[in-house]
Amino acid sequence: MINNIQQFIAAMPKVELHVHLEGSIRPNTLQKLAKRHPNISSKIPIIDICALRSWSTFKDFAQFGETFITVQNFLRKPEDFELIAYEYGREMFVQNILYSEVILAPFTHTHVLEKGLKLSDILYGLENGRRKAQLDFGVEIRWVFGFDRGLCVKKDNKYNFLPAEKTLAYAIDAKSHGVVGLTVGGNELACPPDLFSSLFRSAKQEGFLSLPHAGENNFKNNSTYVHAAVIEMDADRIGHGIDAIKDSSVLTLLRERRIPLDINLTSNLALQIYSDLSQHPFRRLEDSGLILTVNTDDPALFNTTLNREFELLEEVFEYTRSDIIRIARNSFMVCGATPDLKQILLSKFDKWESDL
């Protein structure tokens, strides 16, 4: 019997379902990228690790978005994507994460930032990093391609659908490279959710999971965005979804359709959605009968780990070890792994539990 909760969680096999690749770049890796691209590094305190961590303290979602773009701008060559994919795989191994679905916004790298990158450049790096991580650490990485709603905002009475449509096209082209889902993130007020209804239904016809971010920003009536993610985007899982707590009918919809919420506790705190985690509705959502998973979102930018997120379940919400095991199992059950791989992952988790 492991007496220490930190040791217990560290030893527990895990699956992570909501983590952004660029947000996983640890300070040491960012320093490596800065040495490769010195013209970019002047924008951040790259030399001082402590200053770098302070640099990633955010007053609001807009400031976080600016920081995220700065980090994305360091990824300029295939070998940069290879490095961060491999280093993420190393971090998975350290934390005993067996499988992870990692979010990437390729359109930003090919069209928004002027870097001269093509999708083939990105895929070459991602695939090399993913395969090397699998070989060296035994971890399984899959990709979720996403785009920012803010890129589709209305101009001259017309919405720009290119970022959305191109992202789906990229996902189709990259399916053999481990892409399993499509997501949309960013400011939920930028575009009404029904704009992307046909896109996400097309994605599902192509065999991808529908994994939109929704109900994250604590806006007034933001539970309607969770409702729209279910009805308009045919969501398989919802990123965040915490504002569902504001509407009992939305809770009922999620419960009856068994649509999981991928929760990110520290992210919600870091982005000032809650001033204290005691205000977070995690336990109330679960007590409402919803399926919840535990994730990090952008672990390097929020100075957290998946192990730490599970520790918070006991520390803040007073969950028992049996509860933590039950919640951790959710991620194994609802992930987008093939049935054969999912069985292998579950067998490892079950063996660990039986050996306790």
Protein backbone atom coordinates (compact mmCIF):
# COMPACT_ATOMS: atom_id res chain seq x y z
CA MET A 1 0.00 0.00 0.00
CA ILE A 2 1.42 3.38 -1.03
CA ASN A 3 0.86 5.80 1.85
CA ASN A 4 1.78 9.02 0.03
CA ILE A 5 -0.89 10.41 -2.33
CA GLN A 6 1.76 11.89 -4.63
CA GLN A 7 3.45 8.51 -4.98
CA PHE A 8 0.09 6.83 -5.50
CA ILE A 9 -0.82 9.16 -8.36
CA ALA A 10 2.67 9.04 -9.88
CA ALA A 11 2.46 5.24 -10.02
CA MET A 12 -1.03 5.24 -11.54
CA PRO A 13 -1.11 4.64 -15.33
CA LYS A 14 -2.83 7.58 -16.99
CA VAL A 15 -4.38 8.81 -20.22
CA GLU A 16 -4.57 12.51 -21.12
CA LEU A 17 -7.17 13.80 -23.56
CA HIS A 18 -6.85 17.59 -23.61
CA VAL A 19 -3.37 19.06 -23.95
CA HIS A 20 -2.03 21.55 -26.48
CA LEU A 21 1.34 20.61 -27.93
CA GLU A 22 2.68 24.17 -27.95
CA GLY A 23 1.46 24.63 -24.38
CA SER A 24 3.47 21.58 -23.31
CA ILE A 25 6.86 23.10 -24.23
CA ARG A 26 8.84 23.23 -20.99
CA PRO A 27 11.25 26.13 -20.32
CA ASN A 28 14.35 24.05 -21.05
CA THR A 29 12.97 23.02 -24.44
CA LEU A 30 11.94 26.61 -25.18
CA GLN A 31 15.54 27.60 -24.52
CA LYS A 32 16.70 25.06 -27.11
CA LEU A 33 14.28 26.53 -29.63
CA ALA A 34 15.46 30.05 -28.78
CA LYS A 35 19.04 29.10 -29.60
CA ARG A 36 17.87 27.84 -32.98
CA HIS A 37 15.91 31.04 -33.67
CA PRO A 38 17.65 33.97 -31.90
CA ASN A 39 15.63 36.59 -33.78
CA ILE A 40 12.49 35.36 -31.99
CA SER A 41 13.99 34.89 -28.53
CA SER A 42 14.35 38.62 -27.86
CA LYS A 43 10.60 38.73 -27.24
CA ILE A 44 10.70 36.65 -24.06
CA PRO A 45 13.00 36.31 -20.98
CA ILE A 46 14.48 33.12 -22.36
CA ILE A 47 17.74 33.13 -20.42
CA ASP A 48 16.23 33.17 -16.93
CA ILE A 49 14.02 30.13 -16.25
CA CYS A 50 12.39 31.80 -13.22
CA ALA A 51 11.62 34.91 -15.27
CA LEU A 52 10.27 32.68 -18.01
CA ARG A 53 7.84 31.07 -15.58
CA SER A 54 6.77 34.51 -14.36
CA TRP A 55 6.31 35.59 -17.98
CA SER A 56 3.66 32.90 -18.32
CA THR A 57 1.43 34.35 -15.58
CA PHE A 58 -1.76 35.66 -17.15
CA LYS A 59 -4.25 38.34 -16.21
CA ASP A 60 -6.85 37.19 -18.75
CA PHE A 61 -7.55 34.97 -21.75
CA ALA A 62 -6.38 37.64 -24.23
CA GLN A 63 -2.93 37.88 -22.66
CA PHE A 64 -2.67 34.10 -22.67
CA GLY A 65 -3.49 34.08 -26.39
CA GLU A 66 -0.67 36.52 -27.10
CA THR A 67 1.77 34.37 -25.16
CA PHE A 68 0.62 31.24 -26.96
CA ILE A 69 1.23 32.86 -30.35
CA THR A 70 4.74 33.84 -29.25
CA VAL A 71 5.50 30.24 -28.35
CA GLN A 72 4.04 29.02 -31.65
CA ASN A 73 6.35 31.37 -33.50
CA PHE A 74 9.39 29.39 -32.30
CA LEU A 75 8.29 26.39 -34.35
CA ARG A 76 9.78 27.19 -37.73
CA LYS A 77 11.28 23.98 -39.07
CA PRO A 78 10.33 20.28 -39.14
CA GLU A 79 12.97 19.49 -36.54
CA ASP A 80 11.33 21.95 -34.13
CA PHE A 81 8.08 19.97 -34.26
CA GLU A 82 10.08 16.77 -33.90
CA LEU A 83 11.78 18.12 -30.78
CA ILE A 84 8.61 19.16 -28.98
CA ALA A 85 6.73 15.97 -29.91
CA TYR A 86 9.61 13.87 -28.60
CA GLU A 87 10.01 15.94 -25.44
CA TYR A 88 6.28 15.66 -24.77
CA GLY A 89 6.63 11.89 -25.13
CA ARG A 90 9.46 11.98 -22.60
CA GLU A 91 7.24 13.88 -20.17
CA MET A 92 4.49 11.30 -20.68
CA PHE A 93 6.94 8.58 -19.68
CA VAL A 94 8.04 10.50 -16.58
CA GLN A 95 4.42 10.85 -15.44
CA ASN A 96 3.32 7.34 -16.47
CA ILE A 97 0.95 8.67 -19.15
CA LEU A 98 0.40 5.77 -21.52
CA TYR A 99 -1.65 7.52 -24.20
CA SER A 100 -2.37 11.15 -25.02
CA GLU A 101 -4.50 13.07 -27.52
CA VAL A 102 -2.54 16.23 -28.26
CA ILE A 103 -4.02 19.35 -29.85
CA LEU A 104 -2.24 21.26 -32.61
CA ALA A 105 -3.41 24.15 -34.82
CA PRO A 106 -1.60 23.58 -38.14
CA PHE A 107 -3.37 26.45 -39.96
CA THR A 108 -1.72 28.95 -37.62
CA HIS A 109 1.70 27.61 -38.56
CA THR A 110 1.06 27.47 -42.32
CA HIS A 111 -1.08 30.57 -42.88
CA VAL A 112 -1.20 32.96 -39.90
CA LEU A 113 2.46 33.18 -38.90
CA GLU A 114 4.82 33.96 -41.76
CA LYS A 115 7.17 30.98 -41.52
CA GLY A 116 7.00 29.40 -44.97
CA LEU A 117 5.86 26.09 -43.50
CA LYS A 118 3.79 23.51 -45.34
CA LEU A 119 1.67 20.78 -43.77
CA SER A 120 4.20 18.22 -44.99
CA ASP A 121 6.93 19.99 -42.97
CA ILE A 122 4.83 19.84 -39.82
CA LEU A 123 3.84 16.21 -40.33
CA TYR A 124 7.44 15.16 -41.00
CA GLY A 125 8.51 16.58 -37.66
CA LEU A 126 5.50 15.36 -35.71
CA GLU A 127 5.77 11.83 -37.06
CA ASN A 128 9.50 11.58 -36.38
CA GLY A 129 9.04 12.85 -32.83
CA ARG A 130 6.02 10.63 -32.18
CA ARG A 131 7.70 7.48 -33.50
CA LYS A 132 10.93 8.11 -31.61
CA ALA A 133 8.98 8.71 -28.40
CA GLN A 134 7.05 5.50 -28.93
CA LEU A 135 10.28 3.60 -29.51
CA ASP A 136 12.21 5.12 -26.60
CA PHE A 137 9.45 5.50 -24.01
CA GLY A 138 6.64 3.15 -25.07
CA VAL A 139 4.06 5.97 -25.15
CA GLU A 140 1.21 6.44 -27.63
CA ILE A 141 0.57 9.93 -29.03
CA ARG A 142 -2.38 10.84 -31.22
CA TRP A 143 -3.21 14.26 -32.67
CA VAL A 144 -6.27 16.47 -32.59
CA PHE A 145 -6.19 19.24 -35.20
CA GLY A 146 -7.85 22.50 -34.25
CA PHE A 147 -8.38 26.11 -35.26
CA ASP A 148 -9.11 29.40 -33.48
CA ARG A 149 -12.63 30.82 -33.75
CA GLY A 150 -11.08 34.27 -33.81
CA LEU A 151 -9.64 33.58 -37.26
CA CYS A 152 -13.16 33.13 -38.64
CA VAL A 153 -14.65 36.42 -37.42
CA LYS A 154 -17.04 38.37 -39.58
CA LYS A 155 -15.59 40.98 -41.94
CA ASP A 156 -17.58 42.88 -44.57
CA ASN A 157 -20.65 40.89 -43.46
CA LYS A 158 -18.94 37.60 -44.33
CA TYR A 159 -17.33 34.97 -42.13
CA ASN A 160 -13.95 33.55 -43.09
CA PHE A 161 -14.30 29.79 -43.20
CA LEU A 162 -10.86 29.11 -44.65
CA PRO A 163 -9.19 28.34 -41.27
CA ALA A 164 -11.91 25.81 -40.41
CA GLU A 165 -12.13 24.18 -43.82
CA LYS A 166 -8.36 24.03 -44.26
CA THR A 167 -7.92 22.47 -40.83
CA LEU A 168 -10.34 19.67 -41.67
CA ALA A 169 -8.57 19.15 -45.01
CA TYR A 170 -5.27 18.97 -43.14
CA ALA A 171 -6.72 16.41 -40.72
CA ILE A 172 -7.90 14.24 -43.61
CA ASP A 173 -4.46 14.43 -45.23
CA ALA A 174 -2.80 13.56 -41.91
CA LYS A 175 -5.11 10.76 -40.81
CA SER A 176 -2.45 8.11 -41.36
CA HIS A 177 -0.12 10.13 -39.12
CA GLY A 178 -2.29 9.65 -36.04
CA VAL A 179 -4.93 12.39 -36.27
CA VAL A 180 -8.06 11.22 -34.43
CA GLY A 181 -10.13 14.37 -33.87
CA LEU A 182 -11.08 17.94 -34.73
CA THR A 183 -11.51 20.83 -32.30
CA VAL A 184 -12.15 24.56 -32.27
CA GLY A 185 -10.93 26.87 -29.52
CA GLY A 186 -10.49 30.53 -28.69
CA ASN A 187 -12.96 33.21 -27.64
CA GLU A 188 -16.43 31.70 -27.74
CA LEU A 189 -18.03 35.08 -28.45
CA ALA A 190 -16.10 35.43 -31.72
CA CYS A 191 -18.41 33.23 -33.81
CA PRO A 192 -21.77 31.54 -33.18
CA PRO A 193 -21.35 27.76 -32.77
CA ASP A 194 -23.82 26.84 -35.50
CA LEU A 195 -21.38 28.22 -38.10
CA PHE A 196 -19.31 25.07 -37.71
CA SER A 197 -22.12 22.53 -37.67
CA SER A 198 -21.54 21.15 -41.16
CA LEU A 199 -17.77 21.15 -40.69
CA PHE A 200 -17.87 18.96 -37.59
CA ARG A 201 -20.45 16.65 -39.07
CA SER A 202 -18.21 16.25 -42.11
CA ALA A 203 -15.32 15.50 -39.76
CA LYS A 204 -17.32 12.73 -38.13
CA GLN A 205 -18.16 11.29 -41.53
CA GLU A 206 -14.42 11.11 -42.14
CA GLY A 207 -14.02 9.09 -38.94
CA PHE A 208 -12.78 11.87 -36.65
CA LEU A 209 -13.98 12.61 -33.15
CA SER A 210 -15.81 15.92 -32.66
CA LEU A 211 -14.00 17.57 -29.72
CA PRO A 212 -14.92 21.28 -29.56
CA HIS A 213 -13.90 23.61 -26.75
CA ALA A 214 -17.05 25.06 -25.22
CA GLY A 215 -18.30 26.58 -21.99
CA GLU A 216 -14.85 27.56 -20.77
CA ASN A 217 -14.84 31.33 -20.30
CA ASN A 218 -17.58 31.89 -17.70
CA PHE A 219 -19.48 34.37 -19.87
CA LYS A 220 -23.13 35.14 -19.21
CA ASN A 221 -25.33 32.42 -20.73
CA ASN A 222 -22.22 30.51 -21.79
CA SER A 223 -23.96 27.20 -21.12
CA THR A 224 -25.67 27.76 -24.47
CA TYR A 225 -22.30 27.13 -26.12
CA VAL A 226 -22.09 23.73 -24.44
CA HIS A 227 -25.60 22.98 -25.67
CA ALA A 228 -24.59 24.03 -29.19
CA ALA A 229 -21.47 21.86 -29.06
CA VAL A 230 -23.75 18.88 -28.51
CA ILE A 231 -26.55 19.76 -30.91
CA GLU A 232 -24.74 21.67 -33.66
CA MET A 233 -21.31 20.01 -33.58
CA ASP A 234 -22.39 16.50 -32.55
CA ALA A 235 -19.65 16.49 -29.90
CA ASP A 236 -18.11 13.21 -28.76
CA ARG A 237 -16.37 15.00 -25.88
CA ILE A 238 -16.28 18.67 -24.91
CA GLY A 239 -13.14 20.55 -23.96
CA HIS A 240 -13.80 22.23 -20.59
CA GLY A 241 -17.61 22.53 -20.62
CA ILE A 242 -17.65 23.82 -17.04
CA ASP A 243 -20.38 26.38 -17.73
CA ALA A 244 -22.81 23.51 -18.14
CA ILE A 245 -23.25 23.78 -14.37
CA LYS A 246 -25.32 26.94 -14.94
CA ASP A 247 -28.16 25.14 -16.74
CA SER A 248 -29.85 21.98 -15.48
CA SER A 249 -31.18 21.21 -18.97
CA VAL A 250 -27.64 21.19 -20.36
CA LEU A 251 -26.53 18.91 -17.54
CA THR A 252 -29.38 16.57 -18.41
CA LEU A 253 -28.42 16.63 -22.09
CA LEU A 254 -24.79 15.75 -21.31
CA ARG A 255 -25.79 13.04 -18.86
CA GLU A 256 -28.36 11.40 -21.11
CA ARG A 257 -26.04 11.39 -24.13
CA ARG A 258 -23.05 10.41 -21.98
CA ILE A 259 -20.86 13.14 -23.44
CA PRO A 260 -17.70 13.56 -21.33
CA LEU A 261 -16.19 16.87 -20.29
CA ASP A 262 -12.39 17.16 -20.48
CA ILE A 263 -11.68 19.23 -17.36
CA ASN A 264 -8.58 21.39 -16.80
CA LEU A 265 -8.49 22.65 -13.22
CA THR A 266 -5.28 24.67 -13.10
CA SER A 267 -5.99 26.18 -16.51
CA ASN A 268 -9.30 27.54 -15.25
CA LEU A 269 -7.51 29.06 -12.26
CA ALA A 270 -4.59 30.47 -14.27
CA LEU A 271 -6.92 32.17 -16.77
CA GLN A 272 -8.86 33.85 -13.95
CA ILE A 273 -12.06 31.93 -14.64
CA TYR A 274 -12.15 31.16 -10.94
CA SER A 275 -10.25 33.01 -8.24
CA ASP A 276 -10.00 29.86 -6.15
CA LEU A 277 -10.38 26.18 -7.04
CA SER A 278 -12.87 25.76 -4.22
CA GLN A 279 -15.27 27.61 -6.56
CA HIS A 280 -14.71 25.13 -9.38
CA PRO A 281 -17.78 22.99 -10.20
CA PHE A 282 -15.84 19.74 -10.71
CA ARG A 283 -17.54 17.83 -7.92
CA ARG A 284 -20.96 19.31 -8.68
CA LEU A 285 -20.60 18.29 -12.33
CA GLU A 286 -19.67 14.77 -11.32
CA ASP A 287 -22.44 14.59 -8.72
CA SER A 288 -24.81 15.54 -11.56
CA GLY A 289 -23.90 12.27 -13.22
CA LEU A 290 -21.49 13.60 -15.84
CA ILE A 291 -18.41 11.77 -17.11
CA LEU A 292 -15.32 13.87 -16.37
CA THR A 293 -11.69 13.46 -17.40
CA VAL A 294 -8.67 15.18 -15.85
CA ASN A 295 -6.23 17.09 -18.06
CA THR A 296 -3.62 19.87 -18.11
CA ASP A 297 -4.53 21.98 -21.19
CA ASP A 298 -1.21 23.87 -21.40
CA PRO A 299 0.94 22.36 -18.64
CA ALA A 300 4.14 24.30 -19.27
CA LEU A 301 2.40 27.66 -19.49
CA PHE A 302 0.33 26.94 -16.37
CA ASN A 303 3.18 25.33 -14.41
CA THR A 304 1.33 22.09 -13.80
CA THR A 305 1.48 18.38 -14.59
CA LEU A 306 -1.15 15.70 -15.01
CA ASN A 307 0.00 14.19 -11.72
CA ARG A 308 -0.60 17.52 -10.03
CA GLU A 309 -4.10 17.80 -11.53
CA PHE A 310 -5.03 14.44 -9.98
CA GLU A 311 -3.53 15.52 -6.66
CA LEU A 312 -5.94 18.46 -6.67
CA LEU A 313 -8.88 16.06 -6.65
CA GLU A 314 -7.90 14.97 -3.16
CA GLU A 315 -6.51 18.31 -2.00
CA VAL A 316 -9.40 20.54 -3.08
CA PHE A 317 -12.40 18.26 -3.51
CA GLU A 318 -11.56 15.56 -0.93
CA TYR A 319 -11.84 12.67 -3.34
CA THR A 320 -10.64 9.30 -2.05
CA ARG A 321 -8.16 7.06 -3.81
CA SER A 322 -11.01 4.89 -5.03
CA ASP A 323 -12.62 8.00 -6.49
CA ILE A 324 -9.39 8.98 -8.21
CA ILE A 325 -9.08 5.52 -9.75
CA ARG A 326 -12.66 5.70 -10.97
CA ILE A 327 -12.16 9.15 -12.52
CA ALA A 328 -8.82 8.20 -14.08
CA ARG A 329 -10.47 5.19 -15.72
CA ASN A 330 -12.85 7.55 -17.56
CA SER A 331 -10.04 8.76 -19.81
CA PHE A 332 -9.19 5.20 -20.83
CA MET A 333 -12.82 4.46 -21.62
CA VAL A 334 -13.61 7.55 -23.72
CA CYS A 335 -10.33 8.08 -25.58
CA GLY A 336 -10.11 7.78 -29.36
CA ALA A 337 -7.74 4.81 -29.40
CA THR A 338 -8.60 1.86 -31.59
CA PRO A 339 -10.45 -0.95 -29.76
CA ASP A 340 -7.32 -3.13 -29.70
CA LEU A 341 -5.12 -0.37 -28.30
CA LYS A 342 -7.79 0.67 -25.81
CA GLN A 343 -7.92 -2.89 -24.49
CA ILE A 344 -4.15 -2.94 -24.06
CA LEU A 345 -4.23 0.37 -22.20
CA LEU A 346 -7.08 -0.75 -19.95
CA SER A 347 -5.36 -4.03 -19.15
CA LYS A 348 -2.32 -2.10 -17.89
CA PHE A 349 -4.53 0.08 -15.75
CA ASP A 350 -6.48 -2.89 -14.38
CA LYS A 351 -3.28 -4.75 -13.54
CA TRP A 352 -1.95 -1.76 -11.63
CA GLU A 353 -5.22 -1.49 -9.70
CA SER A 354 -5.30 -5.20 -8.91
CA ASP A 355 -1.72 -5.06 -7.59
CA LEU A 356 -2.54 -2.32 -5.05
